[in-house]
Amino acid sequence: MTDEQKNLWKDIVASFNTETLEVRKQLAVRKIELRTLWSQPEVDEARVEKLSNEVADLKAELWKMHDKYVLKCRKTFGEKGWECPGHN
């Protein structure tokens, strides 16, 4: 990878991390809340259902963002062999 390509790749990774930060934070908070609910002796079923739906929605949103950046990376670099941001 040339220095210019390395810099461009770093910019794409930084942009991905910045753009997804709020969604990742919200997802982490909802997962912790859900785990906390499950540890209670009496589970609030309505709250569990609401949080479960929020977790699913946030995961879907994050995957859409992930795919956007993987496509951007592939369009920029093609099939070069280095990993695109968020590509796990």
N, C-alpha and C. Protein backbone atom coordinates (compact mmCIF):
# COMPACT_ATOMS: atom_id res chain seq x y z
N MET A 1 0.85 -1.17 0.00
CA MET A 1 0.00 0.00 0.00
C MET A 1 0.90 1.23 0.00
N THR A 2 0.59 2.17 -0.85
CA THR A 2 1.37 3.40 -0.90
C THR A 2 1.04 4.26 0.33
N ASP A 3 1.88 5.27 0.58
CA ASP A 3 1.61 6.17 1.71
C ASP A 3 0.27 6.88 1.51
N GLU A 4 -0.02 7.26 0.29
CA GLU A 4 -1.30 7.92 0.01
C GLU A 4 -2.47 6.98 0.30
N GLN A 5 -2.34 5.73 -0.10
CA GLN A 5 -3.40 4.75 0.17
C GLN A 5 -3.54 4.50 1.67
N LYS A 6 -2.41 4.43 2.38
CA LYS A 6 -2.45 4.23 3.84
C LYS A 6 -3.20 5.37 4.51
N ASN A 7 -2.91 6.59 4.08
CA ASN A 7 -3.59 7.75 4.66
C ASN A 7 -5.08 7.74 4.36
N LEU A 8 -5.43 7.38 3.14
CA LEU A 8 -6.83 7.30 2.76
C LEU A 8 -7.53 6.21 3.56
N TRP A 9 -6.88 5.07 3.72
CA TRP A 9 -7.45 3.96 4.49
C TRP A 9 -7.66 4.40 5.94
N LYS A 10 -6.67 5.08 6.52
CA LYS A 10 -6.81 5.57 7.90
C LYS A 10 -7.97 6.55 8.02
N ASP A 11 -8.16 7.39 7.01
CA ASP A 11 -9.28 8.34 7.02
C ASP A 11 -10.61 7.60 6.98
N ILE A 12 -10.70 6.54 6.18
CA ILE A 12 -11.93 5.76 6.09
C ILE A 12 -12.22 5.08 7.43
N VAL A 13 -11.19 4.50 8.04
CA VAL A 13 -11.36 3.85 9.35
C VAL A 13 -11.80 4.87 10.40
N ALA A 14 -11.16 6.03 10.42
CA ALA A 14 -11.51 7.07 11.39
C ALA A 14 -12.94 7.54 11.18
N SER A 15 -13.33 7.70 9.93
CA SER A 15 -14.69 8.14 9.62
C SER A 15 -15.71 7.09 10.07
N PHE A 16 -15.41 5.83 9.81
CA PHE A 16 -16.29 4.74 10.24
C PHE A 16 -16.44 4.75 11.76
N ASN A 17 -15.32 4.85 12.46
CA ASN A 17 -15.37 4.84 13.92
C ASN A 17 -16.13 6.03 14.47
N THR A 18 -15.94 7.19 13.87
CA THR A 18 -16.64 8.39 14.32
C THR A 18 -18.14 8.29 14.04
N GLU A 19 -18.49 7.88 12.83
CA GLU A 19 -19.89 7.83 12.46
C GLU A 19 -20.67 6.78 13.24
N THR A 20 -20.02 5.70 13.62
CA THR A 20 -20.72 4.62 14.32
C THR A 20 -20.64 4.75 15.84
N LEU A 21 -19.90 5.70 16.34
CA LEU A 21 -19.67 5.80 17.78
C LEU A 21 -20.97 5.90 18.58
N GLU A 22 -21.86 6.78 18.20
CA GLU A 22 -23.09 6.97 18.97
C GLU A 22 -23.95 5.71 18.96
N VAL A 23 -24.04 5.06 17.82
CA VAL A 23 -24.84 3.82 17.74
C VAL A 23 -24.19 2.73 18.61
N ARG A 24 -22.87 2.62 18.55
CA ARG A 24 -22.18 1.61 19.37
C ARG A 24 -22.35 1.89 20.86
N LYS A 25 -22.32 3.17 21.25
CA LYS A 25 -22.53 3.53 22.65
C LYS A 25 -23.95 3.18 23.09
N GLN A 26 -24.94 3.54 22.26
CA GLN A 26 -26.33 3.23 22.59
C GLN A 26 -26.54 1.72 22.70
N LEU A 27 -25.92 0.97 21.81
CA LEU A 27 -26.04 -0.48 21.83
C LEU A 27 -25.45 -1.05 23.11
N ALA A 28 -24.29 -0.57 23.50
CA ALA A 28 -23.65 -1.05 24.74
C ALA A 28 -24.52 -0.76 25.95
N VAL A 29 -25.08 0.45 26.01
CA VAL A 29 -25.94 0.82 27.14
C VAL A 29 -27.17 -0.08 27.21
N ARG A 30 -27.82 -0.31 26.07
CA ARG A 30 -29.03 -1.14 26.05
C ARG A 30 -28.71 -2.58 26.45
N LYS A 31 -27.57 -3.09 26.02
CA LYS A 31 -27.18 -4.46 26.39
C LYS A 31 -26.94 -4.57 27.89
N ILE A 32 -26.29 -3.56 28.47
CA ILE A 32 -26.06 -3.57 29.92
C ILE A 32 -27.39 -3.48 30.67
N GLU A 33 -28.28 -2.61 30.20
CA GLU A 33 -29.60 -2.50 30.84
C GLU A 33 -30.34 -3.83 30.77
N LEU A 34 -30.26 -4.48 29.63
CA LEU A 34 -30.95 -5.76 29.46
C LEU A 34 -30.37 -6.83 30.39
N ARG A 35 -29.04 -6.90 30.46
CA ARG A 35 -28.41 -7.87 31.37
C ARG A 35 -28.79 -7.58 32.81
N THR A 36 -28.88 -6.31 33.17
CA THR A 36 -29.27 -5.93 34.52
C THR A 36 -30.69 -6.38 34.82
N LEU A 37 -31.58 -6.19 33.85
CA LEU A 37 -32.96 -6.64 34.04
C LEU A 37 -33.04 -8.15 34.26
N TRP A 38 -32.26 -8.90 33.47
CA TRP A 38 -32.29 -10.35 33.59
C TRP A 38 -31.75 -10.83 34.94
N SER A 39 -30.96 -10.01 35.60
CA SER A 39 -30.40 -10.42 36.90
C SER A 39 -31.35 -10.13 38.06
N GLN A 40 -32.46 -9.46 37.79
CA GLN A 40 -33.42 -9.12 38.83
C GLN A 40 -34.28 -10.34 39.17
N PRO A 41 -34.70 -10.46 40.44
CA PRO A 41 -35.55 -11.60 40.83
C PRO A 41 -36.89 -11.61 40.07
N GLU A 42 -37.46 -10.43 39.87
CA GLU A 42 -38.71 -10.34 39.11
C GLU A 42 -38.44 -9.49 37.87
N VAL A 43 -38.55 -10.13 36.73
CA VAL A 43 -38.21 -9.47 35.47
C VAL A 43 -39.39 -8.65 34.96
N ASP A 44 -39.11 -7.43 34.57
CA ASP A 44 -40.11 -6.54 33.96
C ASP A 44 -40.21 -6.92 32.49
N GLU A 45 -41.20 -7.73 32.17
CA GLU A 45 -41.32 -8.27 30.81
C GLU A 45 -41.46 -7.20 29.74
N ALA A 46 -42.22 -6.18 30.04
CA ALA A 46 -42.42 -5.10 29.06
C ALA A 46 -41.10 -4.38 28.79
N ARG A 47 -40.34 -4.13 29.83
CA ARG A 47 -39.05 -3.45 29.68
C ARG A 47 -38.05 -4.34 28.91
N VAL A 48 -38.05 -5.63 29.20
CA VAL A 48 -37.19 -6.57 28.48
C VAL A 48 -37.53 -6.56 27.00
N GLU A 49 -38.81 -6.62 26.69
CA GLU A 49 -39.24 -6.63 25.29
C GLU A 49 -38.81 -5.33 24.59
N LYS A 50 -39.03 -4.22 25.26
CA LYS A 50 -38.66 -2.92 24.68
C LYS A 50 -37.15 -2.84 24.42
N LEU A 51 -36.35 -3.23 25.41
CA LEU A 51 -34.90 -3.19 25.25
C LEU A 51 -34.42 -4.17 24.19
N SER A 52 -35.02 -5.34 24.15
CA SER A 52 -34.65 -6.34 23.13
C SER A 52 -34.88 -5.79 21.73
N ASN A 53 -36.01 -5.12 21.56
CA ASN A 53 -36.31 -4.52 20.26
C ASN A 53 -35.32 -3.40 19.92
N GLU A 54 -34.98 -2.60 20.92
CA GLU A 54 -34.01 -1.53 20.69
C GLU A 54 -32.64 -2.09 20.32
N VAL A 55 -32.21 -3.15 21.00
CA VAL A 55 -30.94 -3.79 20.69
C VAL A 55 -30.94 -4.31 19.26
N ALA A 56 -32.02 -4.96 18.87
CA ALA A 56 -32.12 -5.49 17.50
C ALA A 56 -32.06 -4.36 16.47
N ASP A 57 -32.77 -3.27 16.74
CA ASP A 57 -32.77 -2.13 15.81
C ASP A 57 -31.38 -1.49 15.71
N LEU A 58 -30.71 -1.34 16.83
CA LEU A 58 -29.37 -0.75 16.82
C LEU A 58 -28.37 -1.64 16.09
N LYS A 59 -28.48 -2.96 16.30
CA LYS A 59 -27.60 -3.89 15.58
C LYS A 59 -27.83 -3.78 14.08
N ALA A 60 -29.08 -3.70 13.67
CA ALA A 60 -29.39 -3.58 12.24
C ALA A 60 -28.83 -2.28 11.68
N GLU A 61 -28.97 -1.19 12.43
CA GLU A 61 -28.44 0.10 11.99
C GLU A 61 -26.92 0.04 11.85
N LEU A 62 -26.27 -0.58 12.81
CA LEU A 62 -24.82 -0.69 12.78
C LEU A 62 -24.36 -1.53 11.58
N TRP A 63 -25.08 -2.60 11.26
CA TRP A 63 -24.71 -3.42 10.10
C TRP A 63 -24.87 -2.66 8.80
N LYS A 64 -25.89 -1.82 8.72
CA LYS A 64 -26.07 -1.00 7.52
C LYS A 64 -24.90 -0.03 7.36
N MET A 65 -24.49 0.57 8.47
CA MET A 65 -23.35 1.49 8.44
C MET A 65 -22.08 0.73 8.07
N HIS A 66 -21.92 -0.44 8.62
CA HIS A 66 -20.78 -1.30 8.32
C HIS A 66 -20.70 -1.59 6.83
N ASP A 67 -21.82 -2.00 6.25
CA ASP A 67 -21.84 -2.34 4.83
C ASP A 67 -21.51 -1.13 3.96
N LYS A 68 -21.99 0.04 4.36
CA LYS A 68 -21.70 1.27 3.62
C LYS A 68 -20.19 1.50 3.55
N TYR A 69 -19.51 1.33 4.67
CA TYR A 69 -18.08 1.57 4.71
C TYR A 69 -17.28 0.47 4.02
N VAL A 70 -17.73 -0.76 4.12
CA VAL A 70 -17.04 -1.84 3.41
C VAL A 70 -17.15 -1.60 1.91
N LEU A 71 -18.31 -1.19 1.44
CA LEU A 71 -18.47 -0.88 0.01
C LEU A 71 -17.58 0.29 -0.40
N LYS A 72 -17.52 1.32 0.44
CA LYS A 72 -16.66 2.47 0.14
C LYS A 72 -15.19 2.02 0.03
N CYS A 73 -14.79 1.20 0.96
CA CYS A 73 -13.42 0.70 0.97
C CYS A 73 -13.14 -0.14 -0.28
N ARG A 74 -14.07 -1.02 -0.61
CA ARG A 74 -13.88 -1.87 -1.80
C ARG A 74 -13.84 -1.04 -3.07
N LYS A 75 -14.69 0.00 -3.16
CA LYS A 75 -14.68 0.87 -4.33
C LYS A 75 -13.37 1.64 -4.44
N THR A 76 -12.83 2.01 -3.28
CA THR A 76 -11.61 2.80 -3.25
C THR A 76 -10.37 1.94 -3.55
N PHE A 77 -10.31 0.76 -2.95
CA PHE A 77 -9.10 -0.05 -3.03
C PHE A 77 -9.24 -1.32 -3.86
N GLY A 78 -10.46 -1.72 -4.15
CA GLY A 78 -10.66 -2.95 -4.89
C GLY A 78 -10.29 -4.17 -4.06
N GLU A 79 -10.01 -5.24 -4.73
CA GLU A 79 -9.70 -6.51 -4.08
C GLU A 79 -8.19 -6.58 -3.84
N LYS A 80 -7.70 -5.79 -2.87
CA LYS A 80 -6.26 -5.68 -2.63
C LYS A 80 -5.75 -6.56 -1.50
N GLY A 81 -6.66 -7.06 -0.64
CA GLY A 81 -6.21 -7.95 0.41
C GLY A 81 -6.11 -7.34 1.80
N TRP A 82 -6.20 -6.02 1.91
CA TRP A 82 -6.19 -5.47 3.27
C TRP A 82 -7.63 -5.30 3.76
N GLU A 83 -7.76 -5.27 5.02
CA GLU A 83 -9.09 -5.29 5.63
C GLU A 83 -9.73 -3.90 5.62
N CYS A 84 -11.01 -3.88 5.29
CA CYS A 84 -11.78 -2.64 5.28
C CYS A 84 -12.28 -2.37 6.69
N PRO A 85 -12.59 -1.11 7.02
CA PRO A 85 -13.02 -0.78 8.40
C PRO A 85 -14.30 -1.51 8.77
N GLY A 86 -14.29 -2.08 9.96
CA GLY A 86 -15.48 -2.76 10.44
C GLY A 86 -15.72 -4.11 9.82
N HIS A 87 -14.85 -4.55 8.95
CA HIS A 87 -15.04 -5.81 8.25
C HIS A 87 -14.53 -6.95 9.12
N ASN A 88 -15.46 -7.59 9.85
CA ASN A 88 -15.11 -8.69 10.75
C ASN A 88 -15.75 -9.97 10.29
